[in-house]
Amino acid sequence: MAHRPGLSTLLAMGVLLHRLFSGLFATSTVFLAVSQALASGPSPAQPASDSPAFVAEDPALAALIGRAAPGLRFTTLDGHPIDLGALYGHKPVYLKLWATYCIPCRTQMPGYEALYRKYGERIAFVAVDIGFGEKQEKVASFVTRAGLTMPVVIDDGRLSNWLQIKATPLHVLIDREGRVAYAGHQDGPALHAALDRLTQSAPTTGHIAPSDPKQQTALKIGESIPSFAETTASGPLPPVRAHLKQAVLFTAPWCESYLKDLEPHTARNCAAFRAIAQRSASTYAMQWTAMASRLWTEDSDLPPFQKLLGPDIGLALDKNASIFSRFGVRQIPAIALIDSSGHLREMIGADDTHVEEKITAFAKAP
């Protein structure tokens, strides 16, 4: 895939890189010292392909250039409102999307803080945690350890879905009029040149109307499930056999391996939910499907994950995040239970301690 190194490469590096960055994150003073050094030096060179900072650029990002940026409102971690639409027309905006468990994001953070110190008076910086698999206290702890001083917000999915984000970190620069001027993964010469262009552009007296990235309403318990066949960009799912109960396991092929050392609790939950799904699929007359997140997942990652799941569980990649959004899933793993009439009966979250009992009761119910 064009936007990141192969998954197998990332997983092989995971343990060593986690140990490296755990030490680096021990105190924020290390990060601040590096930031200060970077702020006074030249723009960094493009990272080598074997560097933990490397994420290959995604050609699909070019489609964003020139589009009206979204007019979203956020609240920062310390309670201050940010209205992106109100910023357009006054100064350029720099949105950086990232995640606490993303190794390239961690690697880039000192440089990001340095850029804020250099351009923060001329460009509105907003650090946007993507919110997938995140909680506010975890993000806040990360920000403190990393020594970030710019405004930090957590996405509810609307910005990520509007950008059709497939990997982090993602740098999005918006010009004075409110158009996307740059989008890329790397912190390198291209990003720094784009920042310089933004600061040198002439002031504007107005701005274009921002895009409206609508939030898809999550299904409520008891509601009818729309046909998965209608969401062709995220399928295909196997057709549902008549009068058969369904279960959908929301997960990611990298959860059990990439997060093993970074976030062991989440990795264990993913493994446990998969094992429960496998036992249920081989015991009860239910149709099971594993729905893989589009984040950091390629089509080539699916066959080995299907082998791990086994023949009793189908697998689909949610390429446009429409199914995760429709079920309101922001944490993995999760399981949706759907009755034989096609209505959502229960959503089981990652921290539920009665997963198997609930699935058994659902499967045995008339």
Protein backbone atom coordinates (compact mmCIF):
# COMPACT_ATOMS: atom_id res chain seq x y z
CA MET A 1 0.00 0.00 0.00
CA ALA A 2 1.27 3.42 -0.90
CA HIS A 3 0.54 5.15 2.38
CA ARG A 4 2.64 3.06 4.78
CA PRO A 5 5.28 0.33 4.94
CA GLY A 6 4.11 -3.27 4.80
CA LEU A 7 2.31 -4.46 7.92
CA SER A 8 4.79 -7.28 8.43
CA THR A 9 7.64 -4.75 8.53
CA LEU A 10 5.85 -2.65 11.13
CA LEU A 11 5.08 -5.65 13.29
CA ALA A 12 8.64 -6.92 13.16
CA MET A 13 9.86 -3.52 14.40
CA GLY A 14 7.17 -3.17 17.06
CA VAL A 15 8.87 -4.56 20.15
CA LEU A 16 12.21 -2.81 19.65
CA LEU A 17 10.59 0.50 18.76
CA HIS A 18 8.25 0.32 21.72
CA ARG A 19 11.20 -0.10 24.07
CA LEU A 20 12.99 2.79 22.38
CA PHE A 21 10.06 5.18 22.63
CA SER A 22 9.09 4.11 26.13
CA GLY A 23 12.49 5.38 27.25
CA LEU A 24 12.19 8.48 25.13
CA PHE A 25 8.80 9.29 26.64
CA ALA A 26 10.06 8.90 30.20
CA THR A 27 10.23 12.68 30.59
CA SER A 28 8.99 15.60 28.55
CA THR A 29 12.30 17.39 28.97
CA VAL A 30 13.91 15.09 26.40
CA PHE A 31 11.25 15.99 23.88
CA LEU A 32 11.50 19.69 24.58
CA ALA A 33 15.27 19.65 24.24
CA VAL A 34 15.01 17.94 20.87
CA SER A 35 12.26 20.34 19.83
CA GLN A 36 14.38 23.36 20.63
CA ALA A 37 17.28 21.95 18.67
CA LEU A 38 15.06 21.27 15.68
CA ALA A 39 13.50 24.71 15.83
CA SER A 40 16.83 26.36 15.27
CA GLY A 41 18.06 23.98 12.57
CA PRO A 42 17.23 23.41 8.89
CA SER A 43 14.22 21.49 7.64
CA PRO A 44 14.67 17.74 8.21
CA ALA A 45 15.53 15.49 5.31
CA GLN A 46 13.03 12.91 4.09
CA PRO A 47 13.22 9.93 6.50
CA ALA A 48 14.71 6.71 5.14
CA SER A 49 12.24 3.93 4.35
CA ASP A 50 13.55 1.86 7.28
CA SER A 51 13.19 4.74 9.76
CA PRO A 52 10.46 4.59 12.43
CA ALA A 53 9.43 8.05 11.25
CA PHE A 54 8.74 6.88 7.69
CA VAL A 55 5.24 6.64 6.24
CA ALA A 56 5.08 6.45 2.46
CA GLU A 57 2.93 9.13 0.89
CA ASP A 58 -0.53 8.17 -0.34
CA PRO A 59 -1.26 9.43 -3.90
CA ALA A 60 -4.98 9.52 -3.06
CA LEU A 61 -4.37 12.54 -0.82
CA ALA A 62 -3.92 14.68 -3.93
CA ALA A 63 -7.71 14.62 -4.36
CA LEU A 64 -8.05 16.81 -1.27
CA ILE A 65 -6.08 19.74 -2.67
CA GLY A 66 -8.30 22.72 -3.48
CA ARG A 67 -11.35 21.38 -1.64
CA ALA A 68 -13.16 23.58 0.84
CA ALA A 69 -11.96 22.50 4.27
CA PRO A 70 -14.48 21.26 6.82
CA GLY A 71 -16.14 23.70 9.19
CA LEU A 72 -15.92 21.66 12.37
CA ARG A 73 -16.10 22.71 16.01
CA PHE A 74 -13.93 21.06 18.66
CA THR A 75 -13.23 21.45 22.35
CA THR A 76 -9.58 21.24 23.37
CA LEU A 77 -8.36 18.96 26.14
CA ASP A 78 -8.29 21.96 28.48
CA GLY A 79 -11.86 23.00 27.63
CA HIS A 80 -11.43 25.77 25.05
CA PRO A 81 -13.66 25.85 21.93
CA ILE A 82 -12.11 25.81 18.45
CA ASP A 83 -14.25 26.68 15.43
CA LEU A 84 -12.33 25.87 12.26
CA GLY A 85 -14.82 27.71 10.07
CA ALA A 86 -14.23 30.91 12.07
CA LEU A 87 -10.47 30.64 11.54
CA TYR A 88 -10.73 30.51 7.76
CA GLY A 89 -10.30 33.94 6.21
CA HIS A 90 -8.05 35.12 9.06
CA LYS A 91 -5.00 32.87 9.04
CA PRO A 92 -3.87 29.53 7.60
CA VAL A 93 -4.65 26.39 9.60
CA TYR A 94 -2.44 23.35 10.25
CA LEU A 95 -4.25 20.17 11.29
CA LYS A 96 -2.10 17.22 12.29
CA LEU A 97 -3.95 13.94 12.76
CA TRP A 98 -2.26 11.32 14.94
CA ALA A 99 -2.79 8.55 17.50
CA THR A 100 -1.06 7.82 20.79
CA TYR A 101 -0.17 4.27 19.70
CA CYS A 102 1.21 5.27 16.28
CA ILE A 103 5.01 4.85 16.26
CA PRO A 104 5.67 7.29 13.35
CA CYS A 105 3.46 9.84 15.16
CA ARG A 106 5.60 9.53 18.28
CA THR A 107 8.73 9.95 16.22
CA GLN A 108 7.43 13.15 14.61
CA MET A 109 6.20 14.84 17.79
CA PRO A 110 9.43 16.73 18.63
CA GLY A 111 9.49 18.19 15.14
CA TYR A 112 5.81 19.06 15.36
CA GLU A 113 6.36 20.99 18.58
CA ALA A 114 9.31 22.74 16.93
CA LEU A 115 7.12 23.77 13.98
CA TYR A 116 4.55 25.18 16.38
CA ARG A 117 7.21 27.32 18.03
CA LYS A 118 8.37 28.53 14.64
CA TYR A 119 5.04 29.19 12.92
CA GLY A 120 2.49 29.33 15.76
CA GLU A 121 2.00 33.11 15.55
CA ARG A 122 1.26 32.99 11.82
CA ILE A 123 -0.57 29.67 11.44
CA ALA A 124 -3.36 28.23 13.63
CA PHE A 125 -2.13 24.82 14.81
CA VAL A 126 -4.56 22.12 15.96
CA ALA A 127 -3.26 18.70 17.00
CA VAL A 128 -6.08 16.25 16.26
CA ASP A 129 -5.99 12.83 17.89
CA ILE A 130 -8.10 10.63 15.60
CA GLY A 131 -10.07 9.24 18.56
CA PHE A 132 -10.09 5.66 17.25
CA GLY A 133 -9.14 3.35 20.10
CA GLU A 134 -8.47 6.37 22.31
CA LYS A 135 -9.76 7.83 25.58
CA GLN A 136 -9.36 11.40 26.75
CA GLU A 137 -7.23 10.56 29.78
CA LYS A 138 -4.83 8.52 27.65
CA VAL A 139 -4.50 11.32 25.10
CA ALA A 140 -3.96 13.91 27.85
CA SER A 141 -1.23 11.78 29.44
CA PHE A 142 0.50 11.40 26.08
CA VAL A 143 0.38 15.16 25.44
CA THR A 144 1.96 15.87 28.81
CA ARG A 145 4.77 13.35 28.31
CA ALA A 146 5.44 14.58 24.77
CA GLY A 147 5.58 18.22 25.88
CA LEU A 148 3.05 19.43 23.30
CA THR A 149 1.93 23.01 23.86
CA MET A 150 -0.38 23.64 20.88
CA PRO A 151 -4.19 23.14 21.14
CA VAL A 152 -5.11 19.44 21.20
CA VAL A 153 -8.53 18.01 20.32
CA ILE A 154 -9.98 14.53 19.81
CA ASP A 155 -11.88 13.75 16.60
CA ASP A 156 -15.31 12.15 16.83
CA GLY A 157 -14.84 10.55 13.41
CA ARG A 158 -16.17 13.32 11.21
CA LEU A 159 -12.80 14.82 10.26
CA SER A 160 -11.17 11.42 9.76
CA ASN A 161 -14.03 10.25 7.56
CA TRP A 162 -14.07 13.48 5.55
CA LEU A 163 -10.35 13.02 4.89
CA GLN A 164 -10.85 9.27 4.28
CA ILE A 165 -7.78 8.79 6.45
CA LYS A 166 -5.96 5.48 6.07
CA ALA A 167 -2.86 6.11 8.17
CA THR A 168 -1.37 8.52 10.65
CA PRO A 169 0.37 10.87 11.03
CA LEU A 170 -1.39 13.07 8.49
CA HIS A 171 -0.52 16.75 7.97
CA VAL A 172 -3.30 18.89 6.47
CA LEU A 173 -2.59 22.55 5.64
CA ILE A 174 -5.48 24.91 4.88
CA ASP A 175 -4.90 28.26 3.20
CA ARG A 176 -6.24 31.64 4.29
CA GLU A 177 -9.41 31.25 2.22
CA GLY A 178 -10.26 27.83 3.66
CA ARG A 179 -9.04 25.49 0.92
CA VAL A 180 -6.87 22.44 1.51
CA ALA A 181 -3.41 23.43 0.29
CA TYR A 182 -1.36 20.40 1.34
CA ALA A 183 -1.89 16.87 2.66
CA GLY A 184 0.86 14.37 3.41
CA HIS A 185 2.22 11.90 5.94
CA GLN A 186 5.87 12.88 6.18
CA ASP A 187 7.58 15.59 8.16
CA GLY A 188 10.13 16.56 5.54
CA PRO A 189 11.06 19.13 2.91
CA ALA A 190 7.66 19.07 1.16
CA LEU A 191 5.79 19.90 4.37
CA HIS A 192 8.22 22.65 5.37
CA ALA A 193 8.06 24.22 1.90
CA ALA A 194 4.24 24.18 2.07
CA LEU A 195 4.33 25.88 5.49
CA ASP A 196 6.58 28.60 4.10
CA ARG A 197 4.21 29.14 1.17
CA LEU A 198 1.27 29.53 3.54
CA THR A 199 2.98 32.18 5.61
CA GLN A 200 4.07 34.11 2.53
CA SER A 201 0.65 34.19 0.86
CA ALA A 202 -1.15 37.51 0.66
CA PRO A 203 -3.82 38.31 3.28
CA THR A 204 -7.41 37.75 2.17
CA THR A 205 -10.58 39.70 2.90
CA GLY A 206 -12.87 36.69 2.96
CA HIS A 207 -13.16 32.94 2.72
CA ILE A 208 -15.11 30.28 0.89
CA ALA A 209 -17.96 28.36 2.50
CA PRO A 210 -16.54 25.39 4.44
CA SER A 211 -17.50 21.78 3.77
CA ASP A 212 -20.07 20.19 6.04
CA PRO A 213 -18.83 16.71 7.08
CA LYS A 214 -22.07 15.31 8.47
CA GLN A 215 -21.90 12.76 11.25
CA GLN A 216 -23.65 9.49 10.47
CA THR A 217 -26.16 8.64 13.20
CA ALA A 218 -25.24 5.42 14.98
CA LEU A 219 -27.81 2.64 15.08
CA LYS A 220 -29.84 2.25 18.25
CA ILE A 221 -30.69 -1.03 19.87
CA GLY A 222 -33.81 -2.42 18.19
CA GLU A 223 -33.31 -0.60 14.90
CA SER A 224 -33.27 -2.45 11.60
CA ILE A 225 -29.86 -3.01 10.05
CA PRO A 226 -29.47 -1.52 6.56
CA SER A 227 -28.29 -3.92 3.92
CA PHE A 228 -24.53 -4.25 3.94
CA ALA A 229 -24.75 -4.86 0.20
CA GLU A 230 -25.69 -1.19 -0.21
CA THR A 231 -22.30 -0.08 1.11
CA THR A 232 -20.32 -1.45 -1.81
CA ALA A 233 -17.17 0.44 -0.87
CA SER A 234 -16.99 -1.54 2.36
CA GLY A 235 -17.99 -5.00 1.15
CA PRO A 236 -18.79 -7.33 0.05
CA LEU A 237 -20.07 -9.18 3.07
CA PRO A 238 -21.34 -12.70 2.47
CA PRO A 239 -25.09 -12.76 1.90
CA VAL A 240 -27.04 -13.49 5.05
CA ARG A 241 -28.86 -16.80 5.03
CA ALA A 242 -32.57 -16.45 5.67
CA HIS A 243 -33.76 -16.45 9.30
CA LEU A 244 -30.24 -16.66 10.68
CA LYS A 245 -28.85 -14.64 13.55
CA GLN A 246 -25.73 -12.57 12.85
CA ALA A 247 -22.74 -11.33 14.78
CA VAL A 248 -20.20 -8.77 13.56
CA LEU A 249 -16.76 -8.60 15.19
CA PHE A 250 -15.23 -5.14 14.79
CA THR A 251 -11.45 -5.41 14.91
CA ALA A 252 -8.21 -4.80 13.00
CA PRO A 253 -5.68 -7.31 11.60
CA TRP A 254 -2.87 -5.51 13.45
CA CYS A 255 -4.53 -5.27 16.86
CA GLU A 256 -3.15 -8.46 18.43
CA SER A 257 0.38 -8.05 17.09
CA TYR A 258 1.21 -4.36 16.63
CA LEU A 259 -0.35 -3.41 19.96
CA LYS A 260 1.10 -6.36 21.87
CA ASP A 261 3.74 -4.19 23.53
CA LEU A 262 2.34 -0.72 22.86
CA GLU A 263 -1.10 -1.40 24.34
CA PRO A 264 -1.14 -4.96 25.71
CA HIS A 265 -4.62 -4.63 27.25
CA THR A 266 -6.17 -3.82 23.87
CA ALA A 267 -4.19 -6.58 22.16
CA ARG A 268 -5.40 -9.12 24.73
CA ASN A 269 -8.98 -7.99 24.28
CA CYS A 270 -8.74 -8.40 20.50
CA ALA A 271 -7.35 -11.92 20.93
CA ALA A 272 -10.03 -12.81 23.48
CA PHE A 273 -12.90 -11.51 21.33
CA ARG A 274 -11.55 -13.41 18.32
CA ALA A 275 -11.34 -16.64 20.32
CA ILE A 276 -14.89 -16.17 21.62
CA ALA A 277 -16.15 -15.54 18.09
CA GLN A 278 -14.40 -18.68 16.86
CA ARG A 279 -15.97 -20.82 19.58
CA SER A 280 -19.40 -19.34 18.95
CA ALA A 281 -19.14 -19.72 15.17
CA SER A 282 -18.31 -23.42 15.49
CA THR A 283 -21.02 -24.08 18.11
CA TYR A 284 -24.14 -22.10 17.22
CA ALA A 285 -26.17 -21.53 14.09
CA MET A 286 -25.09 -17.93 13.65
CA GLN A 287 -23.41 -16.10 10.80
CA TRP A 288 -20.20 -14.42 11.95
CA THR A 289 -18.33 -11.69 10.08
CA ALA A 290 -15.15 -9.93 11.16
CA MET A 291 -15.21 -6.28 10.03
CA ALA A 292 -11.66 -4.91 9.68
CA SER A 293 -10.91 -1.23 10.20
CA ARG A 294 -9.53 0.58 7.16
CA LEU A 295 -6.84 2.21 9.32
CA TRP A 296 -3.38 0.79 8.58
CA THR A 297 -4.96 -2.13 6.71
CA GLU A 298 -4.32 -3.21 3.13
CA ASP A 299 -6.14 -5.77 1.04
CA SER A 300 -2.98 -7.86 1.29
CA ASP A 301 -3.38 -8.01 5.08
CA LEU A 302 -6.71 -9.82 4.80
CA PRO A 303 -5.67 -13.34 3.67
CA PRO A 304 -3.35 -14.01 6.66
CA PHE A 305 -5.96 -12.57 9.02
CA GLN A 306 -8.65 -14.77 7.44
CA LYS A 307 -6.40 -17.76 8.06
CA LEU A 308 -6.14 -16.74 11.73
CA LEU A 309 -9.92 -16.35 11.98
CA GLY A 310 -10.60 -19.73 10.42
CA PRO A 311 -13.25 -20.88 7.93
CA ASP A 312 -16.30 -20.24 10.14
CA ILE A 313 -15.92 -16.44 10.24
CA GLY A 314 -16.21 -14.26 7.16
CA LEU A 315 -14.01 -11.18 6.72
CA ALA A 316 -14.58 -7.77 5.13
CA LEU A 317 -12.60 -4.53 5.04
CA ASP A 318 -14.56 -1.37 5.88
CA LYS A 319 -12.83 0.70 3.22
CA ASN A 320 -14.81 3.89 3.75
CA ALA A 321 -15.49 3.43 7.50
CA SER A 322 -19.24 3.51 6.83
CA ILE A 323 -20.00 0.32 8.76
CA PHE A 324 -17.88 1.25 11.79
CA SER A 325 -19.66 4.63 11.77
CA ARG A 326 -23.12 3.11 11.31
CA PHE A 327 -22.61 0.94 14.39
CA GLY A 328 -20.92 3.75 16.33
CA VAL A 329 -17.73 1.78 16.90
CA ARG A 330 -14.77 3.92 18.03
CA GLN A 331 -13.06 1.31 20.22
CA ILE A 332 -11.89 -2.14 19.21
CA PRO A 333 -12.73 -4.91 19.69
CA ALA A 334 -16.53 -4.74 19.67
CA ILE A 335 -19.31 -7.12 18.70
CA ALA A 336 -22.75 -6.38 17.27
CA LEU A 337 -25.49 -8.99 17.73
CA ILE A 338 -28.26 -8.94 15.10
CA ASP A 339 -31.39 -11.06 15.34
CA SER A 340 -32.84 -13.19 12.58
CA SER A 341 -35.24 -10.41 11.56
CA GLY A 342 -32.31 -8.05 10.93
CA HIS A 343 -32.57 -5.85 14.04
CA LEU A 344 -29.67 -4.80 16.26
CA ARG A 345 -30.08 -6.48 19.64
CA GLU A 346 -26.84 -5.68 21.48
CA MET A 347 -23.48 -3.95 21.19
CA ILE A 348 -20.71 -5.51 23.27
CA GLY A 349 -17.72 -3.29 24.05
CA ALA A 350 -14.10 -4.13 24.70
CA ASP A 351 -14.33 -3.77 28.48
CA ASP A 352 -17.38 -6.00 28.90
CA THR A 353 -16.55 -8.90 31.23
CA HIS A 354 -19.53 -11.05 30.19
CA VAL A 355 -18.96 -11.30 26.46
CA GLU A 356 -19.26 -15.06 26.07
CA GLU A 357 -22.28 -15.32 28.36
CA LYS A 358 -24.12 -12.64 26.38
CA ILE A 359 -23.36 -14.30 23.05
CA THR A 360 -24.45 -17.70 24.37
CA ALA A 361 -27.70 -16.29 25.70
CA PHE A 362 -28.35 -14.50 22.40
CA ALA A 363 -27.59 -17.63 20.36
CA LYS A 364 -29.87 -19.84 22.46
CA ALA A 365 -32.77 -17.37 22.64
CA PRO A 366 -35.80 -18.17 20.46
